[in-house]
Amino acid sequence: MRMWMVDTSILCKNHLMGEYREHFAIAGLMRLERRFDGYIRNNLVEPKSIESRFEDIRDEMLCRGYEPKKEFVPPDISYLPEEHQNYKVDVQSSQDDLLSRCTFCRDNYDAGLVRNTDTYKKG
């Protein structure tokens, strides 16, 4: 499970849909008050951003003509240690990882599809 935290416009269909589904899985684990040490240590989850990131993913899906139907209920993260609640994914590292794994995301990135240059940096 992963929150890539990169500009959603570079995500290929598989990664976009995958992250959409994974938000429900992450939220489910948080509702069960599971530990997130490994997800934090491996730069995979940004707990405080789960709701806003879900909205970014949903908005991108709508821009592409998809029809996301599931309602997302943000989890209560207050049980997590404060340093985990406040953890920020290293976006550059995450982007580098994504682009090295997926030629479709890499093609989107190379085509300059990055929309939000204030938040996400190319290169």
PDB file of N, CA and C in Angstrom:
ATOM      1  N   MET A   1       0.858  -1.176   0.000  1.00  0.00           N
ATOM      2  CA  MET A   1       0.000   0.000   0.000  1.00  0.00           C
ATOM      3  C   MET A   1       0.896   1.229   0.000  1.00  0.00           C
ATOM      4  N   ARG A   2       0.453   2.213  -0.762  1.00  0.00           N
ATOM      5  CA  ARG A   2       1.319   3.372  -0.931  1.00  0.00           C
ATOM      6  C   ARG A   2       0.526   4.598  -1.332  1.00  0.00           C
ATOM      7  N   MET A   3       0.967   5.720  -0.817  1.00  0.00           N
ATOM      8  CA  MET A   3       0.516   7.030  -1.275  1.00  0.00           C
ATOM      9  C   MET A   3       1.727   7.628  -1.992  1.00  0.00           C
ATOM     10  N   TRP A   4       1.681   7.676  -3.321  1.00  0.00           N
ATOM     11  CA  TRP A   4       2.837   8.149  -4.073  1.00  0.00           C
ATOM     12  C   TRP A   4       3.129   9.615  -3.789  1.00  0.00           C
ATOM     13  N   MET A   5       2.110  10.430  -3.613  1.00  0.00           N
ATOM     14  CA  MET A   5       2.226  11.859  -3.314  1.00  0.00           C
ATOM     15  C   MET A   5       2.837  12.669  -4.457  1.00  0.00           C
ATOM     16  N   VAL A   6       2.936  12.085  -5.638  1.00  0.00           N
ATOM     17  CA  VAL A   6       3.409  12.823  -6.813  1.00  0.00           C
ATOM     18  C   VAL A   6       2.218  13.498  -7.471  1.00  0.00           C
ATOM     19  N   ASP A   7       2.480  14.382  -8.399  1.00  0.00           N
ATOM     20  CA  ASP A   7       1.400  15.016  -9.150  1.00  0.00           C
ATOM     21  C   ASP A   7       0.568  13.915  -9.796  1.00  0.00           C
ATOM     22  N   THR A   8      -0.722  13.924  -9.541  1.00  0.00           N
ATOM     23  CA  THR A   8      -1.599  12.853 -10.022  1.00  0.00           C
ATOM     24  C   THR A   8      -1.656  12.773 -11.544  1.00  0.00           C
ATOM     25  N   SER A   9      -1.349  13.862 -12.220  1.00  0.00           N
ATOM     26  CA  SER A   9      -1.445  13.872 -13.682  1.00  0.00           C
ATOM     27  C   SER A   9      -0.403  12.976 -14.348  1.00  0.00           C
ATOM     28  N   ILE A  10       0.668  12.631 -13.654  1.00  0.00           N
ATOM     29  CA  ILE A  10       1.666  11.751 -14.272  1.00  0.00           C
ATOM     30  C   ILE A  10       1.355  10.281 -14.050  1.00  0.00           C
ATOM     31  N   LEU A  11       0.414   9.975 -13.171  1.00  0.00           N
ATOM     32  CA  LEU A  11       0.106   8.577 -12.887  1.00  0.00           C
ATOM     33  C   LEU A  11      -0.589   7.922 -14.080  1.00  0.00           C
ATOM     34  N   CYS A  12      -0.105   6.747 -14.457  1.00  0.00           N
ATOM     35  CA  CYS A  12      -0.791   5.977 -15.490  1.00  0.00           C
ATOM     36  C   CYS A  12      -2.106   5.477 -14.899  1.00  0.00           C
ATOM     37  N   LYS A  13      -2.954   4.924 -15.740  1.00  0.00           N
ATOM     38  CA  LYS A  13      -4.258   4.445 -15.270  1.00  0.00           C
ATOM     39  C   LYS A  13      -4.103   3.437 -14.128  1.00  0.00           C
ATOM     40  N   ASN A  14      -3.175   2.490 -14.271  1.00  0.00           N
ATOM     41  CA  ASN A  14      -3.006   1.462 -13.236  1.00  0.00           C
ATOM     42  C   ASN A  14      -2.576   2.052 -11.903  1.00  0.00           C
ATOM     43  N   HIS A  15      -1.647   2.988 -11.923  1.00  0.00           N
ATOM     44  CA  HIS A  15      -1.191   3.584 -10.671  1.00  0.00           C
ATOM     45  C   HIS A  15      -2.247   4.517 -10.074  1.00  0.00           C
ATOM     46  N   LEU A  16      -2.980   5.217 -10.923  1.00  0.00           N
ATOM     47  CA  LEU A  16      -4.051   6.084 -10.434  1.00  0.00           C
ATOM     48  C   LEU A  16      -5.141   5.251  -9.757  1.00  0.00           C
ATOM     49  N   MET A  17      -5.609   4.222 -10.430  1.00  0.00           N
ATOM     50  CA  MET A  17      -6.650   3.363  -9.862  1.00  0.00           C
ATOM     51  C   MET A  17      -6.132   2.602  -8.644  1.00  0.00           C
ATOM     52  N   GLY A  18      -4.881   2.194  -8.714  1.00  0.00           N
ATOM     53  CA  GLY A  18      -4.289   1.484  -7.583  1.00  0.00           C
ATOM     54  C   GLY A  18      -4.230   2.343  -6.338  1.00  0.00           C
ATOM     55  N   GLU A  19      -3.797   3.584  -6.502  1.00  0.00           N
ATOM     56  CA  GLU A  19      -3.723   4.458  -5.331  1.00  0.00           C
ATOM     57  C   GLU A  19      -5.121   4.776  -4.804  1.00  0.00           C
ATOM     58  N   TYR A  20      -6.080   4.915  -5.702  1.00  0.00           N
ATOM     59  CA  TYR A  20      -7.477   5.130  -5.279  1.00  0.00           C
ATOM     60  C   TYR A  20      -7.923   3.990  -4.366  1.00  0.00           C
ATOM     61  N   ARG A  21      -7.723   2.747  -4.798  1.00  0.00           N
ATOM     62  CA  ARG A  21      -8.121   1.590  -3.991  1.00  0.00           C
ATOM     63  C   ARG A  21      -7.322   1.497  -2.699  1.00  0.00           C
ATOM     64  N   GLU A  22      -6.053   1.826  -2.768  1.00  0.00           N
ATOM     65  CA  GLU A  22      -5.205   1.687  -1.589  1.00  0.00           C
ATOM     66  C   GLU A  22      -5.580   2.663  -0.478  1.00  0.00           C
ATOM     67  N   HIS A  23      -6.186   3.787  -0.835  1.00  0.00           N
ATOM     68  CA  HIS A  23      -6.644   4.709   0.205  1.00  0.00           C
ATOM     69  C   HIS A  23      -7.686   4.053   1.106  1.00  0.00           C
ATOM     70  N   PHE A  24      -8.544   3.239   0.509  1.00  0.00           N
ATOM     71  CA  PHE A  24      -9.547   2.530   1.308  1.00  0.00           C
ATOM     72  C   PHE A  24      -8.888   1.492   2.205  1.00  0.00           C
ATOM     73  N   ALA A  25      -7.871   0.820   1.697  1.00  0.00           N
ATOM     74  CA  ALA A  25      -7.156  -0.175   2.492  1.00  0.00           C
ATOM     75  C   ALA A  25      -6.383   0.484   3.633  1.00  0.00           C
ATOM     76  N   ILE A  26      -5.707   1.577   3.331  1.00  0.00           N
ATOM     77  CA  ILE A  26      -4.958   2.303   4.366  1.00  0.00           C
ATOM     78  C   ILE A  26      -5.915   2.790   5.450  1.00  0.00           C
ATOM     79  N   ALA A  27      -7.029   3.400   5.033  1.00  0.00           N
ATOM     80  CA  ALA A  27      -8.014   3.900   5.997  1.00  0.00           C
ATOM     81  C   ALA A  27      -8.572   2.752   6.833  1.00  0.00           C
ATOM     82  N   GLY A  28      -8.791   1.594   6.213  1.00  0.00           N
ATOM     83  CA  GLY A  28      -9.290   0.432   6.949  1.00  0.00           C
ATOM     84  C   GLY A  28      -8.322  -0.015   8.024  1.00  0.00           C
ATOM     85  N   LEU A  29      -7.040  -0.056   7.694  1.00  0.00           N
ATOM     86  CA  LEU A  29      -6.038  -0.425   8.697  1.00  0.00           C
ATOM     87  C   LEU A  29      -5.983   0.610   9.824  1.00  0.00           C
ATOM     88  N   MET A  30      -6.142   1.872   9.457  1.00  0.00           N
ATOM     89  CA  MET A  30      -6.128   2.914  10.487  1.00  0.00           C
ATOM     90  C   MET A  30      -7.346   2.794  11.402  1.00  0.00           C
ATOM     91  N   ARG A  31      -8.483   2.417  10.856  1.00  0.00           N
ATOM     92  CA  ARG A  31      -9.672   2.224  11.694  1.00  0.00           C
ATOM     93  C   ARG A  31      -9.470   1.059  12.664  1.00  0.00           C
ATOM     94  N   LEU A  32      -8.652   0.097  12.265  1.00  0.00           N
ATOM     95  CA  LEU A  32      -8.321  -1.025  13.141  1.00  0.00           C
ATOM     96  C   LEU A  32      -7.157  -0.685  14.075  1.00  0.00           C
ATOM     97  N   GLU A  33      -6.674   0.543  13.954  1.00  0.00           N
ATOM     98  CA  GLU A  33      -5.562   1.065  14.766  1.00  0.00           C
ATOM     99  C   GLU A  33      -4.301   0.218  14.640  1.00  0.00           C
ATOM    100  N   ARG A  34      -4.002  -0.150  13.402  1.00  0.00           N
ATOM    101  CA  ARG A  34      -2.777  -0.910  13.117  1.00  0.00           C
ATOM    102  C   ARG A  34      -1.571   0.006  13.171  1.00  0.00           C
ATOM    103  N   ARG A  35      -0.431  -0.613  13.405  1.00  0.00           N
ATOM    104  CA  ARG A  35       0.824   0.134  13.411  1.00  0.00           C
ATOM    105  C   ARG A  35       1.228   0.470  11.986  1.00  0.00           C
ATOM    106  N   PHE A  36       1.921   1.599  11.841  1.00  0.00           N
ATOM    107  CA  PHE A  36       2.355   2.045  10.517  1.00  0.00           C
ATOM    108  C   PHE A  36       3.860   2.273  10.457  1.00  0.00           C
ATOM    109  N   ASP A  37       4.577   1.692  11.403  1.00  0.00           N
ATOM    110  CA  ASP A  37       6.033   1.882  11.464  1.00  0.00           C
ATOM    111  C   ASP A  37       6.711   1.572  10.128  1.00  0.00           C
ATOM    112  N   GLY A  38       6.390   0.421   9.559  1.00  0.00           N
ATOM    113  CA  GLY A  38       7.018   0.008   8.304  1.00  0.00           C
ATOM    114  C   GLY A  38       6.648   0.902   7.137  1.00  0.00           C
ATOM    115  N   TYR A  39       5.393   1.327   7.094  1.00  0.00           N
ATOM    116  CA  TYR A  39       4.949   2.212   6.009  1.00  0.00           C
ATOM    117  C   TYR A  39       5.650   3.570   6.099  1.00  0.00           C
ATOM    118  N   ILE A  40       5.837   4.042   7.317  1.00  0.00           N
ATOM    119  CA  ILE A  40       6.529   5.320   7.525  1.00  0.00           C
ATOM    120  C   ILE A  40       8.013   5.152   7.192  1.00  0.00           C
ATOM    121  N   ARG A  41       8.615   4.115   7.745  1.00  0.00           N
ATOM    122  CA  ARG A  41      10.048   3.869   7.532  1.00  0.00           C
ATOM    123  C   ARG A  41      10.375   3.726   6.039  1.00  0.00           C
ATOM    124  N   ASN A  42       9.440   3.162   5.283  1.00  0.00           N
ATOM    125  CA  ASN A  42       9.675   2.933   3.854  1.00  0.00           C
ATOM    126  C   ASN A  42       9.094   4.022   2.961  1.00  0.00           C
ATOM    127  N   ASN A  43       8.715   5.166   3.557  1.00  0.00           N
ATOM    128  CA  ASN A  43       8.291   6.342   2.782  1.00  0.00           C
ATOM    129  C   ASN A  43       7.035   6.057   1.945  1.00  0.00           C
ATOM    130  N   LEU A  44       6.048   5.358   2.541  1.00  0.00           N
ATOM    131  CA  LEU A  44       4.888   4.911   1.781  1.00  0.00           C
ATOM    132  C   LEU A  44       3.584   5.621   2.117  1.00  0.00           C
ATOM    133  N   VAL A  45       3.479   6.193   3.304  1.00  0.00           N
ATOM    134  CA  VAL A  45       2.203   6.743   3.753  1.00  0.00           C
ATOM    135  C   VAL A  45       2.416   8.085   4.446  1.00  0.00           C
ATOM    136  N   GLU A  46       1.517   9.009   4.171  1.00  0.00           N
ATOM    137  CA  GLU A  46       1.512  10.338   4.792  1.00  0.00           C
ATOM    138  C   GLU A  46       0.143  10.515   5.476  1.00  0.00           C
ATOM    139  N   PRO A  47       0.030  10.073   6.733  1.00  0.00           N
ATOM    140  CA  PRO A  47      -1.278   9.995   7.394  1.00  0.00           C
ATOM    141  C   PRO A  47      -2.123  11.265   7.384  1.00  0.00           C
ATOM    142  N   LYS A  48      -1.545  12.396   7.680  1.00  0.00           N
ATOM    143  CA  LYS A  48      -2.351  13.621   7.739  1.00  0.00           C
ATOM    144  C   LYS A  48      -2.878  14.060   6.376  1.00  0.00           C
ATOM    145  N   SER A  49      -2.307  13.530   5.326  1.00  0.00           N
ATOM    146  CA  SER A  49      -2.705  13.937   3.980  1.00  0.00           C
ATOM    147  C   SER A  49      -3.674  12.964   3.320  1.00  0.00           C
ATOM    148  N   ILE A  50      -4.127  11.957   4.053  1.00  0.00           N
ATOM    149  CA  ILE A  50      -4.926  10.910   3.405  1.00  0.00           C
ATOM    150  C   ILE A  50      -6.197  11.457   2.770  1.00  0.00           C
ATOM    151  N   GLU A  51      -6.875  12.378   3.436  1.00  0.00           N
ATOM    152  CA  GLU A  51      -8.122  12.907   2.870  1.00  0.00           C
ATOM    153  C   GLU A  51      -7.851  13.808   1.665  1.00  0.00           C
ATOM    154  N   SER A  52      -6.906  14.729   1.788  1.00  0.00           N
ATOM    155  CA  SER A  52      -6.626  15.639   0.675  1.00  0.00           C
ATOM    156  C   SER A  52      -6.036  14.887  -0.520  1.00  0.00           C
ATOM    157  N   ARG A  53      -5.214  13.886  -0.251  1.00  0.00           N
ATOM    158  CA  ARG A  53      -4.646  13.093  -1.336  1.00  0.00           C
ATOM    159  C   ARG A  53      -5.743  12.302  -2.044  1.00  0.00           C
ATOM    160  N   PHE A  54      -6.673  11.750  -1.279  1.00  0.00           N
ATOM    161  CA  PHE A  54      -7.792  11.035  -1.892  1.00  0.00           C
ATOM    162  C   PHE A  54      -8.565  11.976  -2.817  1.00  0.00           C
ATOM    163  N   GLU A  55      -8.794  13.201  -2.378  1.00  0.00           N
ATOM    164  CA  GLU A  55      -9.513  14.168  -3.212  1.00  0.00           C
ATOM    165  C   GLU A  55      -8.733  14.477  -4.486  1.00  0.00           C
ATOM    166  N   ASP A  56      -7.405  14.587  -4.377  1.00  0.00           N
ATOM    167  CA  ASP A  56      -6.572  14.811  -5.567  1.00  0.00           C
ATOM    168  C   ASP A  56      -6.710  13.648  -6.549  1.00  0.00           C
ATOM    169  N   ILE A  57      -6.662  12.427  -6.027  1.00  0.00           N
ATOM    170  CA  ILE A  57      -6.801  11.235  -6.864  1.00  0.00           C
ATOM    171  C   ILE A  57      -8.184  11.211  -7.515  1.00  0.00           C
ATOM    172  N   ARG A  58      -9.200  11.477  -6.714  1.00  0.00           N
ATOM    173  CA  ARG A  58     -10.584  11.484  -7.220  1.00  0.00           C
ATOM    174  C   ARG A  58     -10.750  12.544  -8.312  1.00  0.00           C
ATOM    175  N   ASP A  59     -10.208  13.739  -8.077  1.00  0.00           N
ATOM    176  CA  ASP A  59     -10.298  14.810  -9.076  1.00  0.00           C
ATOM    177  C   ASP A  59      -9.618  14.416 -10.382  1.00  0.00           C
ATOM    178  N   GLU A  60      -8.477  13.768 -10.284  1.00  0.00           N
ATOM    179  CA  GLU A  60      -7.775  13.319 -11.489  1.00  0.00           C
ATOM    180  C   GLU A  60      -8.600  12.271 -12.227  1.00  0.00           C
ATOM    181  N   MET A  61      -9.221  11.384 -11.499  1.00  0.00           N
ATOM    182  CA  MET A  61     -10.073  10.381 -12.129  1.00  0.00           C
ATOM    183  C   MET A  61     -11.221  11.053 -12.882  1.00  0.00           C
ATOM    184  N   LEU A  62     -11.829  12.049 -12.256  1.00  0.00           N
ATOM    185  CA  LEU A  62     -12.920  12.780 -12.913  1.00  0.00           C
ATOM    186  C   LEU A  62     -12.424  13.497 -14.165  1.00  0.00           C
ATOM    187  N   CYS A  63     -11.234  14.097 -14.102  1.00  0.00           N
ATOM    188  CA  CYS A  63     -10.650  14.769 -15.271  1.00  0.00           C
ATOM    189  C   CYS A  63     -10.460  13.804 -16.436  1.00  0.00           C
ATOM    190  N   ARG A  64     -10.195  12.556 -16.117  1.00  0.00           N
ATOM    191  CA  ARG A  64      -9.969  11.545 -17.160  1.00  0.00           C
ATOM    192  C   ARG A  64     -11.257  10.846 -17.602  1.00  0.00           C
ATOM    193  N   GLY A  65     -12.364  11.261 -17.026  1.00  0.00           N
ATOM    194  CA  GLY A  65     -13.634  10.675 -17.438  1.00  0.00           C
ATOM    195  C   GLY A  65     -14.056   9.449 -16.658  1.00  0.00           C
ATOM    196  N   TYR A  66     -13.320   9.094 -15.617  1.00  0.00           N
ATOM    197  CA  TYR A  66     -13.710   7.970 -14.771  1.00  0.00           C
ATOM    198  C   TYR A  66     -14.788   8.442 -13.803  1.00  0.00           C
ATOM    199  N   GLU A  67     -15.503   7.510 -13.238  1.00  0.00           N
ATOM    200  CA  GLU A  67     -16.587   7.845 -12.324  1.00  0.00           C
ATOM    201  C   GLU A  67     -16.404   7.155 -10.977  1.00  0.00           C
ATOM    202  N   PRO A  68     -15.529   7.707 -10.131  1.00  0.00           N
ATOM    203  CA  PRO A  68     -15.347   7.087  -8.811  1.00  0.00           C
ATOM    204  C   PRO A  68     -16.640   7.198  -8.004  1.00  0.00           C
ATOM    205  N   LYS A  69     -17.067   6.094  -7.452  1.00  0.00           N
ATOM    206  CA  LYS A  69     -18.368   6.077  -6.791  1.00  0.00           C
ATOM    207  C   LYS A  69     -18.294   5.885  -5.277  1.00  0.00           C
ATOM    208  N   LYS A  70     -17.221   5.309  -4.797  1.00  0.00           N
ATOM    209  CA  LYS A  70     -17.135   5.011  -3.373  1.00  0.00           C
ATOM    210  C   LYS A  70     -16.926   6.280  -2.549  1.00  0.00           C
ATOM    211  N   GLU A  71     -17.645   6.349  -1.450  1.00  0.00           N
ATOM    212  CA  GLU A  71     -17.448   7.469  -0.515  1.00  0.00           C
ATOM    213  C   GLU A  71     -16.246   7.148   0.358  1.00  0.00           C
ATOM    214  N   PHE A  72     -15.384   8.129   0.522  1.00  0.00           N
ATOM    215  CA  PHE A  72     -14.211   7.948   1.370  1.00  0.00           C
ATOM    216  C   PHE A  72     -14.470   8.599   2.720  1.00  0.00           C
ATOM    217  N   VAL A  73     -14.341   7.817   3.759  1.00  0.00           N
ATOM    218  CA  VAL A  73     -14.500   8.335   5.117  1.00  0.00           C
ATOM    219  C   VAL A  73     -13.110   8.385   5.734  1.00  0.00           C
ATOM    220  N   PRO A  74     -12.604   9.602   5.985  1.00  0.00           N
ATOM    221  CA  PRO A  74     -11.254   9.718   6.538  1.00  0.00           C
ATOM    222  C   PRO A  74     -11.157   9.047   7.908  1.00  0.00           C
ATOM    223  N   PRO A  75     -10.069   8.334   8.151  1.00  0.00           N
ATOM    224  CA  PRO A  75      -9.900   7.662   9.436  1.00  0.00           C
ATOM    225  C   PRO A  75      -9.409   8.624  10.513  1.00  0.00           C
ATOM    226  N   ASP A  76      -9.616   8.236  11.750  1.00  0.00           N
ATOM    227  CA  ASP A  76      -9.061   8.966  12.886  1.00  0.00           C
ATOM    228  C   ASP A  76      -7.624   8.479  13.073  1.00  0.00           C
ATOM    229  N   ILE A  77      -6.671   9.381  12.975  1.00  0.00           N
ATOM    230  CA  ILE A  77      -5.264   8.979  13.093  1.00  0.00           C
ATOM    231  C   ILE A  77      -4.675   9.348  14.456  1.00  0.00           C
ATOM    232  N   SER A  78      -5.512   9.771  15.371  1.00  0.00           N
ATOM    233  CA  SER A  78      -5.021  10.254  16.667  1.00  0.00           C
ATOM    234  C   SER A  78      -4.311   9.165  17.471  1.00  0.00           C
ATOM    235  N   TYR A  79      -4.549   7.901  17.183  1.00  0.00           N
ATOM    236  CA  TYR A  79      -3.886   6.815  17.902  1.00  0.00           C
ATOM    237  C   TYR A  79      -2.422   6.669  17.503  1.00  0.00           C
ATOM    238  N   LEU A  80      -2.065   7.184  16.327  1.00  0.00           N
ATOM    239  CA  LEU A  80      -0.684   7.069  15.838  1.00  0.00           C
ATOM    240  C   LEU A  80       0.232   7.983  16.643  1.00  0.00           C
ATOM    241  N   PRO A  81       1.489   7.583  16.829  1.00  0.00           N
ATOM    242  CA  PRO A  81       2.444   8.496  17.457  1.00  0.00           C
ATOM    243  C   PRO A  81       2.518   9.797  16.658  1.00  0.00           C
ATOM    244  N   GLU A  82       2.752  10.892  17.327  1.00  0.00           N
ATOM    245  CA  GLU A  82       2.758  12.202  16.672  1.00  0.00           C
ATOM    246  C   GLU A  82       3.714  12.262  15.486  1.00  0.00           C
ATOM    247  N   GLU A  83       4.889  11.650  15.624  1.00  0.00           N
ATOM    248  CA  GLU A  83       5.848  11.692  14.510  1.00  0.00           C
ATOM    249  C   GLU A  83       5.320  10.933  13.297  1.00  0.00           C
ATOM    250  N   HIS A  84       4.484   9.931  13.502  1.00  0.00           N
ATOM    251  CA  HIS A  84       3.861   9.226  12.373  1.00  0.00           C
ATOM    252  C   HIS A  84       2.713  10.040  11.787  1.00  0.00           C
ATOM    253  N   GLN A  85       1.925  10.654  12.645  1.00  0.00           N
ATOM    254  CA  GLN A  85       0.832  11.506  12.159  1.00  0.00           C
ATOM    255  C   GLN A  85       1.365  12.596  11.248  1.00  0.00           C
ATOM    256  N   ASN A  86       2.508  13.162  11.605  1.00  0.00           N
ATOM    257  CA  ASN A  86       3.075  14.312  10.894  1.00  0.00           C
ATOM    258  C   ASN A  86       4.072  13.933   9.804  1.00  0.00           C
ATOM    259  N   TYR A  87       4.260  12.654   9.566  1.00  0.00           N
ATOM    260  CA  TYR A  87       5.246  12.225   8.582  1.00  0.00           C
ATOM    261  C   TYR A  87       4.881  12.733   7.190  1.00  0.00           C
ATOM    262  N   LYS A  88       5.887  13.203   6.470  1.00  0.00           N
ATOM    263  CA  LYS A  88       5.721  13.656   5.087  1.00  0.00           C
ATOM    264  C   LYS A  88       6.534  12.741   4.175  1.00  0.00           C
ATOM    265  N   VAL A  89       5.879  12.204   3.169  1.00  0.00           N
ATOM    266  CA  VAL A  89       6.563  11.381   2.173  1.00  0.00           C
ATOM    267  C   VAL A  89       7.586  12.250   1.446  1.00  0.00           C
ATOM    268  N   ASP A  90       8.756  11.699   1.225  1.00  0.00           N
ATOM    269  CA  ASP A  90       9.773  12.371   0.415  1.00  0.00           C
ATOM    270  C   ASP A  90       9.318  12.231  -1.038  1.00  0.00           C
ATOM    271  N   VAL A  91       8.706  13.286  -1.554  1.00  0.00           N
ATOM    272  CA  VAL A  91       8.072  13.238  -2.875  1.00  0.00           C
ATOM    273  C   VAL A  91       9.088  12.962  -3.972  1.00  0.00           C
ATOM    274  N   GLN A  92      10.253  13.557  -3.901  1.00  0.00           N
ATOM    275  CA  GLN A  92      11.258  13.334  -4.947  1.00  0.00           C
ATOM    276  C   GLN A  92      11.678  11.872  -4.985  1.00  0.00           C
ATOM    277  N   SER A  93      11.894  11.288  -3.818  1.00  0.00           N
ATOM    278  CA  SER A  93      12.266   9.877  -3.745  1.00  0.00           C
ATOM    279  C   SER A  93      11.138   8.994  -4.271  1.00  0.00           C
ATOM    280  N   SER A  94       9.916   9.324  -3.891  1.00  0.00           N
ATOM    281  CA  SER A  94       8.750   8.570  -4.346  1.00  0.00           C
ATOM    282  C   SER A  94       8.602   8.675  -5.867  1.00  0.00           C
ATOM    283  N   GLN A  95       8.762   9.878  -6.388  1.00  0.00           N
ATOM    284  CA  GLN A  95       8.662  10.085  -7.833  1.00  0.00           C
ATOM    285  C   GLN A  95       9.759   9.328  -8.572  1.00  0.00           C
ATOM    286  N   ASP A  96      10.970   9.391  -8.064  1.00  0.00           N
ATOM    287  CA  ASP A  96      12.076   8.660  -8.689  1.00  0.00           C
ATOM    288  C   ASP A  96      11.779   7.164  -8.732  1.00  0.00           C
ATOM    289  N   ASP A  97      11.243   6.653  -7.631  1.00  0.00           N
ATOM    290  CA  ASP A  97      10.890   5.233  -7.545  1.00  0.00           C
ATOM    291  C   ASP A  97       9.809   4.885  -8.568  1.00  0.00           C
ATOM    292  N   LEU A  98       8.767   5.694  -8.619  1.00  0.00           N
ATOM    293  CA  LEU A  98       7.673   5.462  -9.557  1.00  0.00           C
ATOM    294  C   LEU A  98       8.156   5.477 -11.006  1.00  0.00           C
ATOM    295  N   LEU A  99       8.922   6.495 -11.349  1.00  0.00           N
ATOM    296  CA  LEU A  99       9.366   6.646 -12.731  1.00  0.00           C
ATOM    297  C   LEU A  99      10.353   5.565 -13.149  1.00  0.00           C
ATOM    298  N   SER A 100      11.058   4.986 -12.185  1.00  0.00           N
ATOM    299  CA  SER A 100      11.967   3.886 -12.509  1.00  0.00           C
ATOM    300  C   SER A 100      11.218   2.566 -12.678  1.00  0.00           C
ATOM    301  N   ARG A 101      10.017   2.477 -12.134  1.00  0.00           N
ATOM    302  CA  ARG A 101       9.225   1.241 -12.191  1.00  0.00           C
ATOM    303  C   ARG A 101       8.264   1.189 -13.376  1.00  0.00           C
ATOM    304  N   CYS A 102       7.751   2.349 -13.783  1.00  0.00           N
ATOM    305  CA  CYS A 102       6.627   2.346 -14.725  1.00  0.00           C
ATOM    306  C   CYS A 102       6.919   3.217 -15.944  1.00  0.00           C
ATOM    307  N   THR A 103       7.013   2.578 -17.092  1.00  0.00           N
ATOM    308  CA  THR A 103       7.298   3.333 -18.311  1.00  0.00           C
ATOM    309  C   THR A 103       6.129   4.236 -18.714  1.00  0.00           C
ATOM    310  N   PHE A 104       4.898   3.855 -18.364  1.00  0.00           N
ATOM    311  CA  PHE A 104       3.744   4.683 -18.704  1.00  0.00           C
ATOM    312  C   PHE A 104       3.741   5.978 -17.887  1.00  0.00           C
ATOM    313  N   CYS A 105       4.022   5.872 -16.585  1.00  0.00           N
ATOM    314  CA  CYS A 105       4.129   7.082 -15.759  1.00  0.00           C
ATOM    315  C   CYS A 105       5.309   7.928 -16.242  1.00  0.00           C
ATOM    316  N   ARG A 106       6.401   7.263 -16.598  1.00  0.00           N
ATOM    317  CA  ARG A 106       7.588   7.966 -17.105  1.00  0.00           C
ATOM    318  C   ARG A 106       7.250   8.714 -18.396  1.00  0.00           C
ATOM    319  N   ASP A 107       6.492   8.092 -19.270  1.00  0.00           N
ATOM    320  CA  ASP A 107       6.082   8.751 -20.515  1.00  0.00           C
ATOM    321  C   ASP A 107       5.234   9.985 -20.219  1.00  0.00           C
ATOM    322  N   ASN A 108       4.303   9.872 -19.256  1.00  0.00           N
ATOM    323  CA  ASN A 108       3.476  11.028 -18.870  1.00  0.00           C
ATOM    324  C   ASN A 108       4.349  12.151 -18.331  1.00  0.00           C
ATOM    325  N   TYR A 109       5.298  11.788 -17.508  1.00  0.00           N
ATOM    326  CA  TYR A 109       6.214  12.775 -16.914  1.00  0.00           C
ATOM    327  C   TYR A 109       7.053  13.450 -18.006  1.00  0.00           C
ATOM    328  N   ASP A 110       7.615  12.640 -18.891  1.00  0.00           N
ATOM    329  CA  ASP A 110       8.460  13.170 -19.972  1.00  0.00           C
ATOM    330  C   ASP A 110       7.662  14.050 -20.929  1.00  0.00           C
ATOM    331  N   ALA A 111       6.364  13.767 -21.057  1.00  0.00           N
ATOM    332  CA  ALA A 111       5.503  14.566 -21.939  1.00  0.00           C
ATOM    333  C   ALA A 111       5.115  15.893 -21.295  1.00  0.00           C
ATOM    334  N   GLY A 112       5.543  16.100 -20.056  1.00  0.00           N
ATOM    335  CA  GLY A 112       5.263  17.366 -19.377  1.00  0.00           C
ATOM    336  C   GLY A 112       3.846  17.479 -18.855  1.00  0.00           C
ATOM    337  N   LEU A 113       3.250  16.370 -18.458  1.00  0.00           N
ATOM    338  CA  LEU A 113       1.873  16.399 -17.980  1.00  0.00           C
ATOM    339  C   LEU A 113       1.732  16.886 -16.545  1.00  0.00           C
ATOM    340  N   VAL A 114       2.836  17.281 -15.910  1.00  0.00           N
ATOM    341  CA  VAL A 114       2.777  17.763 -14.534  1.00  0.00           C
ATOM    342  C   VAL A 114       1.980  19.053 -14.491  1.00  0.00           C
ATOM    343  N   ARG A 115       0.868  19.047 -13.763  1.00  0.00           N
ATOM    344  CA  ARG A 115      -0.028  20.207 -13.698  1.00  0.00           C
ATOM    345  C   ARG A 115       0.304  21.158 -12.563  1.00  0.00           C
ATOM    346  N   ASN A 116       0.564  20.616 -11.402  1.00  0.00           N
ATOM    347  CA  ASN A 116       0.710  21.441 -10.216  1.00  0.00           C
ATOM    348  C   ASN A 116       2.183  21.638  -9.885  1.00  0.00           C
ATOM    349  N   THR A 117       2.815  22.556 -10.582  1.00  0.00           N
ATOM    350  CA  THR A 117       4.259  22.743 -10.419  1.00  0.00           C
ATOM    351  C   THR A 117       4.623  23.435  -9.112  1.00  0.00           C
ATOM    352  N   ASP A 118       3.638  24.015  -8.412  1.00  0.00           N
ATOM    353  CA  ASP A 118       3.942  24.605  -7.111  1.00  0.00           C
ATOM    354  C   ASP A 118       4.187  23.545  -6.057  1.00  0.00           C
ATOM    355  N   THR A 119       3.502  22.418  -6.182  1.00  0.00           N
ATOM    356  CA  THR A 119       3.605  21.371  -5.185  1.00  0.00           C
ATOM    357  C   THR A 119       4.571  20.274  -5.609  1.00  0.00           C
ATOM    358  N   TYR A 120       4.521  19.896  -6.871  1.00  0.00           N
ATOM    359  CA  TYR A 120       5.314  18.780  -7.351  1.00  0.00           C
ATOM    360  C   TYR A 120       6.357  19.301  -8.323  1.00  0.00           C
ATOM    361  N   LYS A 121       7.580  18.892  -8.120  1.00  0.00           N
ATOM    362  CA  LYS A 121       8.695  19.399  -8.937  1.00  0.00           C
ATOM    363  C   LYS A 121       9.107  18.383  -9.979  1.00  0.00           C
ATOM    364  N   LYS A 122       9.291  18.852 -11.192  1.00  0.00           N
ATOM    365  CA  LYS A 122       9.795  17.986 -12.254  1.00  0.00           C
ATOM    366  C   LYS A 122      11.315  18.011 -12.225  1.00  0.00           C
ATOM    367  N   GLY A 123      11.888  16.810 -12.378  1.00  0.00           N
ATOM    368  CA  GLY A 123      13.335  16.714 -12.494  1.00  0.00           C
ATOM    369  C   GLY A 123      14.003  16.537 -11.250  1.00  0.00           C
TER     370      GLY A 123
END
